[in-house]
Amino acid sequence: MTDSLSINGRLLALNWPSQTFETTLSEDANVTQVAIAEIEDAAGTTHQVKVNVNWDADSLIGKLVKTTSGDEGMSLCCAE
């Protein structure tokens, strides 16, 4: 898994741990959850990064994204 401060590229997938899925179904969908983001950079290298995202982050799949490091870990946002 990549531990870079910032990665820019296309989001290929978000992998949600099974306990996250169960928690999200029983709680507020606006609470951030930890997922593994698969991001392909401009050189074609795929990085797997743990990120804190909202449940609706699946809408970013296929788009250009960037990761940033903050107090609560890595976050993911749209770079387009």
N, C-alpha and C. Protein backbone atom coordinates (compact mmCIF):
# COMPACT_ATOMS: atom_id res chain seq x y z
N MET A 1 0.84 -1.17 0.00
CA MET A 1 0.00 0.00 0.00
C MET A 1 0.89 1.24 0.00
N THR A 2 0.47 2.28 -0.68
CA THR A 2 1.25 3.50 -0.82
C THR A 2 1.00 4.42 0.38
N ASP A 3 2.06 5.08 0.86
CA ASP A 3 1.95 5.98 1.99
C ASP A 3 2.36 7.39 1.62
N SER A 4 2.08 7.83 0.41
CA SER A 4 2.46 9.17 -0.04
C SER A 4 1.55 10.22 0.58
N LEU A 5 2.05 11.46 0.65
CA LEU A 5 1.22 12.54 1.16
C LEU A 5 0.12 12.91 0.19
N SER A 6 0.42 12.84 -1.10
CA SER A 6 -0.58 13.20 -2.10
C SER A 6 -0.40 12.35 -3.36
N ILE A 7 -1.50 11.83 -3.84
CA ILE A 7 -1.50 11.07 -5.09
C ILE A 7 -2.57 11.67 -5.98
N ASN A 8 -2.23 11.95 -7.21
CA ASN A 8 -3.19 12.44 -8.20
C ASN A 8 -3.35 11.37 -9.27
N GLY A 9 -4.59 11.10 -9.67
CA GLY A 9 -4.82 10.13 -10.72
C GLY A 9 -6.28 9.76 -10.82
N ARG A 10 -6.56 8.72 -11.61
CA ARG A 10 -7.93 8.26 -11.83
C ARG A 10 -8.29 7.20 -10.80
N LEU A 11 -9.43 7.40 -10.13
CA LEU A 11 -9.90 6.44 -9.13
C LEU A 11 -10.47 5.23 -9.85
N LEU A 12 -9.84 4.09 -9.65
CA LEU A 12 -10.28 2.84 -10.29
C LEU A 12 -11.32 2.11 -9.46
N ALA A 13 -11.17 2.14 -8.13
CA ALA A 13 -12.08 1.41 -7.25
C ALA A 13 -11.97 1.91 -5.83
N LEU A 14 -13.04 1.72 -5.08
CA LEU A 14 -13.04 1.90 -3.63
C LEU A 14 -13.42 0.57 -3.03
N ASN A 15 -12.57 0.04 -2.19
CA ASN A 15 -12.84 -1.26 -1.56
C ASN A 15 -13.22 -1.00 -0.11
N TRP A 16 -14.49 -1.33 0.21
CA TRP A 16 -15.03 -1.11 1.54
C TRP A 16 -14.92 -2.40 2.35
N PRO A 17 -14.32 -2.36 3.54
CA PRO A 17 -14.32 -3.56 4.39
C PRO A 17 -15.76 -3.94 4.76
N SER A 18 -16.03 -5.21 4.94
CA SER A 18 -17.41 -5.66 5.19
C SER A 18 -18.00 -5.03 6.44
N GLN A 19 -17.21 -4.83 7.51
CA GLN A 19 -17.77 -4.22 8.70
C GLN A 19 -18.15 -2.77 8.46
N THR A 20 -17.48 -2.09 7.54
CA THR A 20 -17.84 -0.72 7.19
C THR A 20 -19.20 -0.69 6.53
N PHE A 21 -19.46 -1.64 5.64
CA PHE A 21 -20.76 -1.71 4.96
C PHE A 21 -21.88 -1.89 5.98
N GLU A 22 -21.69 -2.80 6.94
CA GLU A 22 -22.71 -3.05 7.94
C GLU A 22 -22.91 -1.83 8.84
N THR A 23 -21.83 -1.17 9.21
CA THR A 23 -21.91 0.02 10.05
C THR A 23 -22.65 1.13 9.32
N THR A 24 -22.34 1.33 8.05
CA THR A 24 -22.95 2.40 7.28
C THR A 24 -24.45 2.20 7.12
N LEU A 25 -24.87 0.95 6.97
CA LEU A 25 -26.30 0.69 6.83
C LEU A 25 -27.06 1.01 8.10
N SER A 26 -26.39 0.93 9.25
CA SER A 26 -27.09 1.16 10.51
C SER A 26 -26.88 2.56 11.07
N GLU A 27 -26.03 3.37 10.46
CA GLU A 27 -25.72 4.70 10.96
C GLU A 27 -25.88 5.76 9.88
N ASP A 28 -25.53 6.97 10.23
CA ASP A 28 -25.61 8.10 9.32
C ASP A 28 -24.65 7.92 8.15
N ALA A 29 -25.15 8.05 6.94
CA ALA A 29 -24.32 7.87 5.74
C ALA A 29 -23.34 9.01 5.54
N ASN A 30 -23.46 10.10 6.31
CA ASN A 30 -22.53 11.22 6.19
C ASN A 30 -21.28 11.06 7.05
N VAL A 31 -21.25 10.02 7.87
CA VAL A 31 -20.07 9.76 8.69
C VAL A 31 -18.99 9.18 7.79
N THR A 32 -17.74 9.68 7.95
CA THR A 32 -16.67 9.16 7.11
C THR A 32 -16.31 7.74 7.51
N GLN A 33 -15.94 6.95 6.52
CA GLN A 33 -15.56 5.56 6.70
C GLN A 33 -14.18 5.35 6.06
N VAL A 34 -13.48 4.33 6.52
CA VAL A 34 -12.17 4.00 5.93
C VAL A 34 -12.39 3.02 4.78
N ALA A 35 -11.80 3.33 3.65
CA ALA A 35 -11.86 2.46 2.47
C ALA A 35 -10.46 2.43 1.84
N ILE A 36 -10.23 1.44 1.00
CA ILE A 36 -8.98 1.37 0.24
C ILE A 36 -9.27 1.89 -1.16
N ALA A 37 -8.61 3.00 -1.51
CA ALA A 37 -8.78 3.58 -2.84
C ALA A 37 -7.69 3.04 -3.76
N GLU A 38 -8.09 2.62 -4.94
CA GLU A 38 -7.13 2.21 -5.97
C GLU A 38 -7.08 3.35 -6.99
N ILE A 39 -5.90 4.01 -7.06
CA ILE A 39 -5.73 5.19 -7.90
C ILE A 39 -4.60 4.93 -8.89
N GLU A 40 -4.90 5.16 -10.18
CA GLU A 40 -3.88 5.02 -11.23
C GLU A 40 -3.33 6.40 -11.55
N ASP A 41 -2.01 6.57 -11.36
CA ASP A 41 -1.40 7.87 -11.64
C ASP A 41 -1.09 8.03 -13.14
N ALA A 42 -0.53 9.17 -13.51
CA ALA A 42 -0.27 9.49 -14.92
C ALA A 42 0.73 8.52 -15.56
N ALA A 43 1.59 7.90 -14.75
CA ALA A 43 2.57 6.95 -15.28
C ALA A 43 2.00 5.54 -15.45
N GLY A 44 0.74 5.36 -15.04
CA GLY A 44 0.10 4.06 -15.17
C GLY A 44 0.28 3.15 -13.96
N THR A 45 0.88 3.66 -12.89
CA THR A 45 1.08 2.88 -11.67
C THR A 45 -0.19 2.96 -10.81
N THR A 46 -0.64 1.81 -10.32
CA THR A 46 -1.81 1.78 -9.45
C THR A 46 -1.36 1.78 -8.00
N HIS A 47 -1.91 2.71 -7.23
CA HIS A 47 -1.60 2.86 -5.81
C HIS A 47 -2.82 2.45 -5.00
N GLN A 48 -2.61 1.75 -3.91
CA GLN A 48 -3.69 1.43 -2.97
C GLN A 48 -3.44 2.24 -1.71
N VAL A 49 -4.43 3.07 -1.35
CA VAL A 49 -4.27 4.00 -0.24
C VAL A 49 -5.49 3.92 0.67
N LYS A 50 -5.26 3.87 1.99
CA LYS A 50 -6.37 3.96 2.95
C LYS A 50 -6.83 5.40 3.00
N VAL A 51 -8.13 5.62 2.79
CA VAL A 51 -8.67 6.97 2.81
C VAL A 51 -9.93 7.01 3.66
N ASN A 52 -10.20 8.17 4.23
CA ASN A 52 -11.44 8.42 4.97
C ASN A 52 -12.39 9.14 4.02
N VAL A 53 -13.51 8.50 3.71
CA VAL A 53 -14.45 9.07 2.73
C VAL A 53 -15.89 8.86 3.20
N ASN A 54 -16.78 9.67 2.64
CA ASN A 54 -18.21 9.47 2.86
C ASN A 54 -18.70 8.33 1.98
N TRP A 55 -19.83 7.77 2.34
CA TRP A 55 -20.40 6.64 1.62
C TRP A 55 -20.62 6.97 0.14
N ASP A 56 -20.95 8.22 -0.17
CA ASP A 56 -21.23 8.60 -1.56
C ASP A 56 -19.97 8.79 -2.40
N ALA A 57 -18.79 8.48 -1.86
CA ALA A 57 -17.54 8.63 -2.60
C ALA A 57 -17.46 7.70 -3.81
N ASP A 58 -18.33 6.68 -3.87
CA ASP A 58 -18.37 5.81 -5.04
C ASP A 58 -18.61 6.60 -6.32
N SER A 59 -19.23 7.77 -6.19
CA SER A 59 -19.49 8.61 -7.38
C SER A 59 -18.21 9.14 -8.00
N LEU A 60 -17.08 9.03 -7.29
CA LEU A 60 -15.80 9.50 -7.82
C LEU A 60 -15.08 8.46 -8.68
N ILE A 61 -15.58 7.23 -8.70
CA ILE A 61 -14.92 6.17 -9.48
C ILE A 61 -14.92 6.56 -10.96
N GLY A 62 -13.75 6.47 -11.56
CA GLY A 62 -13.57 6.83 -12.97
C GLY A 62 -13.17 8.28 -13.18
N LYS A 63 -13.18 9.07 -12.11
CA LYS A 63 -12.83 10.49 -12.21
C LYS A 63 -11.40 10.72 -11.72
N LEU A 64 -10.87 11.89 -12.08
CA LEU A 64 -9.56 12.29 -11.56
C LEU A 64 -9.73 12.75 -10.13
N VAL A 65 -8.90 12.19 -9.24
CA VAL A 65 -8.97 12.50 -7.82
C VAL A 65 -7.59 12.82 -7.29
N LYS A 66 -7.55 13.32 -6.07
CA LYS A 66 -6.29 13.53 -5.38
C LYS A 66 -6.49 13.19 -3.91
N THR A 67 -5.43 12.71 -3.29
CA THR A 67 -5.46 12.44 -1.86
C THR A 67 -4.70 13.53 -1.14
N THR A 68 -5.14 13.84 0.06
CA THR A 68 -4.45 14.79 0.91
C THR A 68 -4.38 14.24 2.32
N SER A 69 -3.32 14.57 2.99
CA SER A 69 -3.12 14.10 4.36
C SER A 69 -3.60 15.18 5.32
N GLY A 70 -4.37 14.75 6.34
CA GLY A 70 -4.87 15.69 7.34
C GLY A 70 -4.79 15.09 8.72
N ASP A 71 -5.37 15.77 9.68
CA ASP A 71 -5.33 15.32 11.07
C ASP A 71 -6.00 13.97 11.27
N GLU A 72 -7.02 13.68 10.47
CA GLU A 72 -7.76 12.43 10.61
C GLU A 72 -7.34 11.38 9.58
N GLY A 73 -6.18 11.55 8.97
CA GLY A 73 -5.69 10.59 7.99
C GLY A 73 -5.82 11.13 6.58
N MET A 74 -5.81 10.21 5.61
CA MET A 74 -5.89 10.60 4.21
C MET A 74 -7.34 10.83 3.79
N SER A 75 -7.56 11.86 3.00
CA SER A 75 -8.88 12.09 2.44
C SER A 75 -8.78 12.07 0.92
N LEU A 76 -9.92 11.97 0.28
CA LEU A 76 -9.99 11.84 -1.18
C LEU A 76 -10.95 12.89 -1.70
N CYS A 77 -10.55 13.60 -2.75
CA CYS A 77 -11.45 14.58 -3.35
C CYS A 77 -11.26 14.61 -4.86
N CYS A 78 -12.23 15.17 -5.52
CA CYS A 78 -12.22 15.28 -6.98
C CYS A 78 -11.18 16.31 -7.40
N ALA A 79 -10.39 15.97 -8.42
CA ALA A 79 -9.34 16.88 -8.91
C ALA A 79 -9.74 17.55 -10.21
N GLU A 80 -10.91 17.23 -10.74
CA GLU A 80 -11.33 17.80 -12.04
C GLU A 80 -11.90 19.17 -11.86
